[in-house]
């Protein structure tokens, strides 16, 4: 059977790593200058948007599978 989630697995790993790195950057920036904090928050927002898009893609694939299984 074809593993439909295999193509998304690397994306989830990258999203996890990206979110952790962005969170660390925000924590470090809290002790530094304001510009560093702004960059860290922008990075966190970018990673959150990527994660949301990845989850939406996963949901769409799972809906396609459910539709095909009903047919």
N, C-alpha and C. Protein backbone atom coordinates (compact mmCIF):
# COMPACT_ATOMS: atom_id res chain seq x y z
N UNK A 1 0.84 -1.19 0.00
CA UNK A 1 0.00 0.00 0.00
C UNK A 1 0.88 1.25 0.00
N UNK A 2 0.49 2.24 -0.73
CA UNK A 2 1.23 3.48 -0.85
C UNK A 2 1.09 4.30 0.42
N UNK A 3 2.20 4.77 0.95
CA UNK A 3 2.20 5.60 2.16
C UNK A 3 2.02 7.05 1.74
N UNK A 4 0.79 7.55 1.85
CA UNK A 4 0.48 8.90 1.39
C UNK A 4 1.10 9.97 2.29
N UNK A 5 1.42 9.62 3.50
CA UNK A 5 1.99 10.60 4.43
C UNK A 5 3.51 10.69 4.31
N UNK A 6 4.11 9.79 3.57
CA UNK A 6 5.56 9.78 3.47
C UNK A 6 6.11 11.10 2.92
N UNK A 7 5.42 11.67 1.94
CA UNK A 7 5.91 12.92 1.35
C UNK A 7 5.80 14.09 2.32
N UNK A 8 4.95 13.99 3.32
CA UNK A 8 4.78 15.07 4.29
C UNK A 8 5.63 14.89 5.55
N UNK A 9 6.14 13.70 5.73
CA UNK A 9 6.88 13.40 6.96
C UNK A 9 8.09 14.33 7.16
N UNK A 10 8.86 14.55 6.10
CA UNK A 10 10.01 15.45 6.19
C UNK A 10 9.57 16.88 6.50
N UNK A 11 8.44 17.27 5.96
CA UNK A 11 7.91 18.60 6.25
C UNK A 11 7.56 18.77 7.71
N UNK A 12 6.99 17.73 8.32
CA UNK A 12 6.66 17.81 9.74
C UNK A 12 7.92 17.88 10.59
N UNK A 13 8.94 17.15 10.21
CA UNK A 13 10.21 17.21 10.95
C UNK A 13 10.81 18.61 10.83
N UNK A 14 10.80 19.16 9.62
CA UNK A 14 11.32 20.51 9.41
C UNK A 14 10.51 21.54 10.19
N UNK A 15 9.20 21.37 10.21
CA UNK A 15 8.34 22.30 10.95
C UNK A 15 8.64 22.25 12.45
N UNK A 16 8.82 21.05 12.97
CA UNK A 16 9.16 20.92 14.39
C UNK A 16 10.48 21.61 14.72
N UNK A 17 11.48 21.36 13.90
CA UNK A 17 12.79 21.98 14.13
C UNK A 17 12.72 23.49 13.99
N UNK A 18 11.99 23.95 12.99
CA UNK A 18 11.86 25.39 12.78
C UNK A 18 11.14 26.08 13.93
N UNK A 19 10.08 25.46 14.43
CA UNK A 19 9.36 26.05 15.56
C UNK A 19 10.24 26.09 16.81
N UNK A 20 11.00 25.03 17.05
CA UNK A 20 11.90 25.02 18.21
C UNK A 20 12.96 26.10 18.09
N UNK A 21 13.54 26.24 16.90
CA UNK A 21 14.57 27.26 16.70
C UNK A 21 13.99 28.67 16.86
N UNK A 22 12.79 28.89 16.34
CA UNK A 22 12.16 30.20 16.45
C UNK A 22 11.82 30.52 17.91
N UNK A 23 11.35 29.52 18.63
CA UNK A 23 11.04 29.74 20.04
C UNK A 23 12.30 30.05 20.84
N UNK A 24 13.37 29.36 20.53
CA UNK A 24 14.65 29.64 21.20
C UNK A 24 15.11 31.06 20.88
N UNK A 25 14.94 31.48 19.63
CA UNK A 25 15.35 32.83 19.23
C UNK A 25 14.54 33.89 19.98
N UNK A 26 13.25 33.64 20.16
CA UNK A 26 12.42 34.58 20.91
C UNK A 26 12.88 34.66 22.36
N UNK A 27 13.15 33.51 22.95
CA UNK A 27 13.61 33.49 24.34
C UNK A 27 14.94 34.24 24.50
N UNK A 28 15.86 34.05 23.56
CA UNK A 28 17.14 34.75 23.62
C UNK A 28 16.97 36.24 23.40
N UNK A 29 16.06 36.60 22.49
CA UNK A 29 15.86 38.01 22.16
C UNK A 29 15.23 38.78 23.31
N UNK A 30 14.53 38.11 24.18
CA UNK A 30 13.90 38.79 25.31
C UNK A 30 14.94 39.44 26.22
N UNK A 31 16.16 38.96 26.16
CA UNK A 31 17.21 39.54 26.99
C UNK A 31 18.08 40.54 26.22
N UNK A 32 17.80 40.69 24.92
CA UNK A 32 18.64 41.56 24.08
C UNK A 32 17.90 42.79 23.60
N UNK A 33 18.34 43.26 22.44
CA UNK A 33 17.76 44.49 21.87
C UNK A 33 16.41 44.24 21.22
N UNK A 34 15.68 45.28 20.96
CA UNK A 34 14.33 45.20 20.40
C UNK A 34 14.34 44.67 18.97
N UNK A 35 15.33 45.06 18.17
CA UNK A 35 15.39 44.58 16.78
C UNK A 35 15.55 43.08 16.73
N UNK A 36 16.36 42.53 17.64
CA UNK A 36 16.52 41.08 17.68
C UNK A 36 15.20 40.40 18.04
N UNK A 37 14.45 41.03 18.90
CA UNK A 37 13.15 40.50 19.29
C UNK A 37 12.18 40.51 18.11
N UNK A 38 12.19 41.59 17.35
CA UNK A 38 11.31 41.69 16.18
C UNK A 38 11.65 40.60 15.16
N UNK A 39 12.93 40.40 14.92
CA UNK A 39 13.35 39.35 13.98
C UNK A 39 12.93 37.97 14.48
N UNK A 40 13.08 37.75 15.76
CA UNK A 40 12.71 36.45 16.34
C UNK A 40 11.20 36.21 16.22
N UNK A 41 10.41 37.24 16.48
CA UNK A 41 8.96 37.09 16.37
C UNK A 41 8.54 36.87 14.92
N UNK A 42 9.21 37.53 13.98
CA UNK A 42 8.91 37.32 12.56
C UNK A 42 9.24 35.89 12.16
N UNK A 43 10.34 35.37 12.67
CA UNK A 43 10.72 33.99 12.38
C UNK A 43 9.70 33.02 12.95
N UNK A 44 9.24 33.28 14.14
CA UNK A 44 8.23 32.42 14.76
C UNK A 44 6.93 32.46 13.97
N UNK A 45 6.54 33.64 13.52
CA UNK A 45 5.32 33.76 12.71
C UNK A 45 5.45 33.00 11.40
N UNK A 46 6.61 33.11 10.76
CA UNK A 46 6.85 32.40 9.49
C UNK A 46 6.76 30.89 9.70
N UNK A 47 7.35 30.40 10.77
CA UNK A 47 7.30 28.97 11.06
C UNK A 47 5.88 28.51 11.38
N UNK A 48 5.13 29.34 12.08
CA UNK A 48 3.74 29.00 12.39
C UNK A 48 2.90 28.93 11.12
N UNK A 49 3.11 29.86 10.20
CA UNK A 49 2.38 29.84 8.93
C UNK A 49 2.72 28.59 8.12
N UNK A 50 3.99 28.21 8.10
CA UNK A 50 4.40 26.99 7.39
C UNK A 50 3.73 25.77 8.00
N UNK A 51 3.71 25.71 9.33
CA UNK A 51 3.10 24.57 10.01
C UNK A 51 1.60 24.50 9.71
N UNK A 52 0.92 25.64 9.71
CA UNK A 52 -0.51 25.67 9.39
C UNK A 52 -0.76 25.19 7.96
N UNK A 53 0.07 25.62 7.03
CA UNK A 53 -0.08 25.18 5.64
C UNK A 53 0.16 23.68 5.51
N UNK A 54 1.11 23.18 6.23
CA UNK A 54 1.40 21.75 6.22
C UNK A 54 0.23 20.96 6.78
N UNK A 55 -0.35 21.42 7.86
CA UNK A 55 -1.51 20.75 8.44
C UNK A 55 -2.71 20.79 7.49
N UNK A 56 -2.91 21.91 6.81
CA UNK A 56 -4.00 22.01 5.83
C UNK A 56 -3.79 21.02 4.68
N UNK A 57 -2.54 20.88 4.25
CA UNK A 57 -2.23 19.93 3.18
C UNK A 57 -2.50 18.50 3.63
N UNK A 58 -2.13 18.21 4.85
CA UNK A 58 -2.36 16.87 5.40
C UNK A 58 -3.86 16.58 5.47
N UNK A 59 -4.61 17.56 5.95
CA UNK A 59 -6.05 17.38 6.06
C UNK A 59 -6.67 17.13 4.68
N UNK A 60 -6.23 17.86 3.68
CA UNK A 60 -6.75 17.68 2.32
C UNK A 60 -6.44 16.27 1.81
N UNK A 61 -5.23 15.80 2.06
CA UNK A 61 -4.88 14.45 1.61
C UNK A 61 -5.72 13.40 2.31
N UNK A 62 -5.93 13.58 3.60
CA UNK A 62 -6.73 12.60 4.33
C UNK A 62 -8.18 12.63 3.88
N UNK A 63 -8.71 13.79 3.52
CA UNK A 63 -10.06 13.87 2.99
C UNK A 63 -10.17 13.17 1.64
N UNK A 64 -9.13 13.30 0.81
CA UNK A 64 -9.12 12.60 -0.48
C UNK A 64 -9.15 11.09 -0.26
N UNK A 65 -8.39 10.63 0.71
CA UNK A 65 -8.37 9.19 1.00
C UNK A 65 -9.74 8.73 1.49
N UNK A 66 -10.35 9.51 2.38
CA UNK A 66 -11.67 9.15 2.88
C UNK A 66 -12.69 9.11 1.76
N UNK A 67 -12.62 10.07 0.83
CA UNK A 67 -13.55 10.08 -0.31
C UNK A 67 -13.34 8.87 -1.21
N UNK A 68 -12.10 8.53 -1.45
CA UNK A 68 -11.79 7.37 -2.30
C UNK A 68 -12.23 6.08 -1.63
N UNK A 69 -12.12 6.01 -0.32
CA UNK A 69 -12.50 4.79 0.40
C UNK A 69 -14.01 4.60 0.38
N UNK A 70 -14.76 5.70 0.33
CA UNK A 70 -16.22 5.61 0.30
C UNK A 70 -16.73 5.18 -1.07
N UNK A 71 -15.97 5.45 -2.10
CA UNK A 71 -16.40 5.15 -3.47
C UNK A 71 -16.32 3.69 -3.80
